[in-house]
Amino acid sequence: MFSAADKLALRYSELMATDPDAIDAAFFDALRQHYSEEEIVELGVFIGFNLGYHTFFGTLKFYPLFSPDGRLLTQAESEKIYGATPGSLKPSEPAE
């Protein structure tokens, strides 16, 4: 189960990926109810870097390096397990 703070962090991530203009002063005020200024900056940087990484890896058709059981995989093996489209290129499900 996600806490209210967790849900807000997930919403922050979703908005940064899909609608960054929706992150306004009111949204930051809501974040401040659960996080310090430093934590908000850290969270935003973490989300931004990860969105960038996934976008970059998607342009390379880069597949996950590990199987669900933790084995290191070649890209060919990973494609067989995860399908023809790398996870970073698949549309994400909205956070609950």
C-alpha atoms as a PDB file:
ATOM      1  CA  MET A   1       0.000   0.000   0.000  1.00  0.00           C
ATOM      2  CA  PHE A   2       1.312   3.446  -0.877  1.00  0.00           C
ATOM      3  CA  SER A   3       1.301   6.304   1.615  1.00  0.00           C
ATOM      4  CA  ALA A   4      -0.022   9.737   0.650  1.00  0.00           C
ATOM      5  CA  ALA A   5       3.590  10.906   0.228  1.00  0.00           C
ATOM      6  CA  ASP A   6       4.384   7.912  -2.015  1.00  0.00           C
ATOM      7  CA  LYS A   7       1.320   8.567  -4.165  1.00  0.00           C
ATOM      8  CA  LEU A   8       2.289  12.204  -4.552  1.00  0.00           C
ATOM      9  CA  ALA A   9       5.848  11.240  -5.559  1.00  0.00           C
ATOM     10  CA  LEU A  10       4.442   8.818  -8.135  1.00  0.00           C
ATOM     11  CA  ARG A  11       2.142  11.557  -9.446  1.00  0.00           C
ATOM     12  CA  TYR A  12       5.170  13.884  -9.676  1.00  0.00           C
ATOM     13  CA  SER A  13       6.949  11.275 -11.785  1.00  0.00           C
ATOM     14  CA  GLU A  14       3.907  10.755 -13.991  1.00  0.00           C
ATOM     15  CA  LEU A  15       3.444  14.482 -14.556  1.00  0.00           C
ATOM     16  CA  MET A  16       7.123  15.030 -15.342  1.00  0.00           C
ATOM     17  CA  ALA A  17       6.813  12.345 -18.026  1.00  0.00           C
ATOM     18  CA  THR A  18       3.443  13.285 -19.468  1.00  0.00           C
ATOM     19  CA  ASP A  19       2.462  16.856 -18.538  1.00  0.00           C
ATOM     20  CA  PRO A  20       5.269  18.881 -16.917  1.00  0.00           C
ATOM     21  CA  ASP A  21       3.301  22.122 -17.311  1.00  0.00           C
ATOM     22  CA  ALA A  22       0.815  20.753 -14.756  1.00  0.00           C
ATOM     23  CA  ILE A  23       3.505  20.917 -12.062  1.00  0.00           C
ATOM     24  CA  ASP A  24       2.602  24.332 -10.708  1.00  0.00           C
ATOM     25  CA  ALA A  25       2.956  26.234  -7.430  1.00  0.00           C
ATOM     26  CA  ALA A  26      -0.021  24.372  -5.944  1.00  0.00           C
ATOM     27  CA  PHE A  27       1.584  21.023  -6.761  1.00  0.00           C
ATOM     28  CA  PHE A  28       4.841  22.112  -5.083  1.00  0.00           C
ATOM     29  CA  ASP A  29       2.815  23.240  -2.057  1.00  0.00           C
ATOM     30  CA  ALA A  30       1.334  19.740  -1.885  1.00  0.00           C
ATOM     31  CA  LEU A  31       4.824  18.210  -2.114  1.00  0.00           C
ATOM     32  CA  ARG A  32       5.969  20.465   0.760  1.00  0.00           C
ATOM     33  CA  GLN A  33       3.332  18.868   3.000  1.00  0.00           C
ATOM     34  CA  HIS A  34       5.370  15.635   2.834  1.00  0.00           C
ATOM     35  CA  TYR A  35       8.885  16.548   1.713  1.00  0.00           C
ATOM     36  CA  SER A  36      11.541  19.127   2.526  1.00  0.00           C
ATOM     37  CA  GLU A  37      12.828  21.476  -0.192  1.00  0.00           C
ATOM     38  CA  GLU A  38      15.968  19.329  -0.454  1.00  0.00           C
ATOM     39  CA  GLU A  39      13.919  16.142  -0.848  1.00  0.00           C
ATOM     40  CA  ILE A  40      11.745  17.742  -3.544  1.00  0.00           C
ATOM     41  CA  VAL A  41      14.853  18.763  -5.491  1.00  0.00           C
ATOM     42  CA  GLU A  42      16.396  15.309  -5.046  1.00  0.00           C
ATOM     43  CA  LEU A  43      13.179  13.623  -6.146  1.00  0.00           C
ATOM     44  CA  GLY A  44      12.848  15.876  -9.192  1.00  0.00           C
ATOM     45  CA  VAL A  45      16.456  15.304 -10.252  1.00  0.00           C
ATOM     46  CA  PHE A  46      16.096  11.535  -9.774  1.00  0.00           C
ATOM     47  CA  ILE A  47      12.898  11.459 -11.849  1.00  0.00           C
ATOM     48  CA  GLY A  48      14.407  13.679 -14.553  1.00  0.00           C
ATOM     49  CA  PHE A  49      17.568  11.577 -14.875  1.00  0.00           C
ATOM     50  CA  ASN A  50      15.575   8.362 -15.041  1.00  0.00           C
ATOM     51  CA  LEU A  51      13.208   9.718 -17.680  1.00  0.00           C
ATOM     52  CA  GLY A  52      16.241  10.779 -19.699  1.00  0.00           C
ATOM     53  CA  TYR A  53      17.931   7.394 -19.304  1.00  0.00           C
ATOM     54  CA  HIS A  54      14.813   5.534 -20.398  1.00  0.00           C
ATOM     55  CA  THR A  55      14.370   7.811 -23.393  1.00  0.00           C
ATOM     56  CA  PHE A  56      18.006   7.369 -24.401  1.00  0.00           C
ATOM     57  CA  PHE A  57      17.978   3.586 -23.925  1.00  0.00           C
ATOM     58  CA  GLY A  58      14.724   3.410 -25.885  1.00  0.00           C
ATOM     59  CA  THR A  59      16.378   5.073 -28.882  1.00  0.00           C
ATOM     60  CA  LEU A  60      18.987   2.317 -28.752  1.00  0.00           C
ATOM     61  CA  LYS A  61      16.341  -0.419 -28.486  1.00  0.00           C
ATOM     62  CA  PHE A  62      18.105  -1.335 -25.236  1.00  0.00           C
ATOM     63  CA  TYR A  63      16.624  -4.276 -23.331  1.00  0.00           C
ATOM     64  CA  PRO A  64      16.882  -5.032 -19.602  1.00  0.00           C
ATOM     65  CA  LEU A  65      20.212  -6.604 -18.610  1.00  0.00           C
ATOM     66  CA  PHE A  66      18.731  -9.054 -16.128  1.00  0.00           C
ATOM     67  CA  SER A  67      16.115 -11.800 -16.242  1.00  0.00           C
ATOM     68  CA  PRO A  68      13.268 -11.799 -13.713  1.00  0.00           C
ATOM     69  CA  ASP A  69      15.310 -14.291 -11.635  1.00  0.00           C
ATOM     70  CA  GLY A  70      18.392 -12.051 -11.701  1.00  0.00           C
ATOM     71  CA  ARG A  71      20.544 -13.713 -14.377  1.00  0.00           C
ATOM     72  CA  LEU A  72      22.656 -11.484 -16.621  1.00  0.00           C
ATOM     73  CA  LEU A  73      21.308 -11.591 -20.195  1.00  0.00           C
ATOM     74  CA  THR A  74      22.470 -10.791 -23.686  1.00  0.00           C
ATOM     75  CA  GLN A  75      20.234  -8.391 -25.601  1.00  0.00           C
ATOM     76  CA  ALA A  76      18.978 -11.311 -27.749  1.00  0.00           C
ATOM     77  CA  GLU A  77      18.042 -13.337 -24.652  1.00  0.00           C
ATOM     78  CA  SER A  78      16.367 -10.317 -23.100  1.00  0.00           C
ATOM     79  CA  GLU A  79      14.296  -9.703 -26.241  1.00  0.00           C
ATOM     80  CA  LYS A  80      13.025 -13.309 -26.066  1.00  0.00           C
ATOM     81  CA  ILE A  81      11.958 -12.828 -22.451  1.00  0.00           C
ATOM     82  CA  TYR A  82      10.603  -9.276 -22.577  1.00  0.00           C
ATOM     83  CA  GLY A  83       9.220  -9.129 -26.111  1.00  0.00           C
ATOM     84  CA  ALA A  84       9.981  -7.188 -29.266  1.00  0.00           C
ATOM     85  CA  THR A  85       9.586  -3.735 -27.683  1.00  0.00           C
ATOM     86  CA  PRO A  86      11.937  -2.724 -24.871  1.00  0.00           C
ATOM     87  CA  GLY A  87      10.147  -1.740 -21.657  1.00  0.00           C
ATOM     88  CA  SER A  88      11.415   1.816 -21.965  1.00  0.00           C
ATOM     89  CA  LEU A  89       9.449   2.234 -25.193  1.00  0.00           C
ATOM     90  CA  LYS A  90       6.170   0.803 -23.913  1.00  0.00           C
ATOM     91  CA  PRO A  91       3.563   3.263 -22.638  1.00  0.00           C
ATOM     92  CA  SER A  92       3.468   3.287 -18.832  1.00  0.00           C
ATOM     93  CA  GLU A  93       0.406   2.626 -16.755  1.00  0.00           C
ATOM     94  CA  PRO A  94      -0.795   5.629 -14.748  1.00  0.00           C
ATOM     95  CA  ALA A  95       0.063   5.536 -11.041  1.00  0.00           C
ATOM     96  CA  GLU A  96      -2.783   4.624  -8.693  1.00  0.00           C
END
